[in-house]
Amino acid sequence: MYRLLLVSTLLIVLYFLLRQIFRTIRSPQIDEQGASGDHDQMVLDQVCQTFVPRRTALSKEIGGQLHYFCSSACMATFEKRHSATPT
């Protein structure tokens, strides 16, 4: 009787341990910023209106706001437009 109880307890513990291991393997890793998959977020290029992954986008702070661009040409175009508009 005690053997059956011991074996069933060990099986239950093993089940919960394996379940926890598979959950950590399947879940996305948390980066140093504390957000999961933050670099995979899509951001909008204000010039050509395309979405770009944040990890590959060029970024520049203009007018106190952070803007993302798909290329250096789009960044230069945005800077020209922003400097041409009166503030």
Protein backbone atom coordinates (compact mmCIF):
# COMPACT_ATOMS: atom_id res chain seq x y z
CA MET A 1 0.00 0.00 0.00
CA TYR A 2 2.82 2.40 0.91
CA ARG A 3 4.64 1.59 -2.31
CA LEU A 4 1.61 2.53 -4.38
CA LEU A 5 1.26 5.80 -2.48
CA LEU A 6 4.96 6.56 -2.88
CA VAL A 7 4.97 5.75 -6.61
CA SER A 8 1.85 7.83 -7.25
CA THR A 9 3.32 10.79 -5.33
CA LEU A 10 6.55 10.55 -7.32
CA LEU A 11 4.62 10.41 -10.58
CA ILE A 12 2.64 13.50 -9.65
CA VAL A 13 5.80 15.40 -8.74
CA LEU A 14 7.44 14.28 -11.98
CA TYR A 15 4.39 15.42 -13.96
CA PHE A 16 4.51 18.93 -12.47
CA LEU A 17 8.26 19.23 -12.97
CA LEU A 18 8.04 18.19 -16.62
CA ARG A 19 5.12 20.52 -17.19
CA GLN A 20 7.10 23.45 -15.78
CA ILE A 21 10.13 22.58 -17.93
CA PHE A 22 8.04 22.47 -21.11
CA ARG A 23 6.38 25.78 -20.27
CA THR A 24 9.72 27.52 -19.87
CA ILE A 25 10.97 26.05 -23.14
CA ARG A 26 7.84 27.08 -25.06
CA SER A 27 7.47 30.57 -23.62
CA PRO A 28 9.41 33.46 -25.20
CA GLN A 29 12.47 34.62 -23.36
CA ILE A 30 12.32 37.91 -21.47
CA ASP A 31 15.03 40.33 -22.56
CA GLU A 32 16.89 42.79 -20.37
CA GLN A 33 14.19 45.45 -20.86
CA GLY A 34 11.63 43.18 -19.25
CA ALA A 35 9.39 43.00 -22.31
CA SER A 36 8.97 39.80 -24.16
CA GLY A 37 9.53 40.11 -27.90
CA ASP A 38 9.92 43.89 -27.75
CA HIS A 39 12.41 43.89 -30.63
CA ASP A 40 9.97 42.00 -32.86
CA GLN A 41 7.36 44.73 -32.56
CA MET A 42 6.52 46.38 -35.87
CA VAL A 43 6.94 50.17 -36.08
CA LEU A 44 5.68 52.56 -38.75
CA ASP A 45 8.02 54.49 -41.02
CA GLN A 46 6.48 57.97 -41.26
CA VAL A 47 7.85 58.66 -44.75
CA CYS A 48 7.00 55.61 -46.85
CA GLN A 49 4.25 54.32 -44.52
CA THR A 50 5.70 50.81 -44.23
CA PHE A 51 5.99 48.71 -41.10
CA VAL A 52 9.48 47.63 -40.08
CA PRO A 53 10.62 45.33 -37.24
CA ARG A 54 11.97 47.50 -34.42
CA ARG A 55 15.23 45.52 -34.24
CA THR A 56 16.10 46.42 -37.87
CA ALA A 57 14.63 49.93 -38.00
CA LEU A 58 16.76 53.05 -37.84
CA SER A 59 15.68 55.37 -35.05
CA LYS A 60 16.27 59.03 -34.35
CA GLU A 61 14.89 61.44 -31.81
CA ILE A 62 13.48 64.46 -33.60
CA GLY A 63 11.54 67.18 -31.83
CA GLY A 64 11.60 65.26 -28.55
CA GLN A 65 9.96 62.21 -30.11
CA LEU A 66 11.54 58.93 -31.19
CA HIS A 67 10.85 58.11 -34.84
CA TYR A 68 11.64 54.88 -36.70
CA PHE A 69 12.66 54.56 -40.35
CA CYS A 70 13.19 51.70 -42.80
CA SER A 71 16.25 53.32 -44.42
CA SER A 72 18.63 56.25 -44.12
CA ALA A 73 16.96 57.84 -47.17
CA CYS A 74 13.61 57.91 -45.38
CA MET A 75 15.29 59.36 -42.29
CA ALA A 76 16.89 62.14 -44.36
CA THR A 77 13.58 62.90 -46.10
CA PHE A 78 11.79 63.14 -42.75
CA GLU A 79 14.51 65.42 -41.35
CA LYS A 80 14.19 67.71 -44.40
CA ARG A 81 10.39 67.85 -44.03
CA HIS A 82 10.63 68.46 -40.28
CA SER A 83 13.23 71.22 -40.62
CA ALA A 84 11.22 72.92 -43.41
CA THR A 85 8.06 73.20 -41.31
CA PRO A 86 7.94 76.23 -39.01
CA THR A 87 7.67 75.50 -35.29
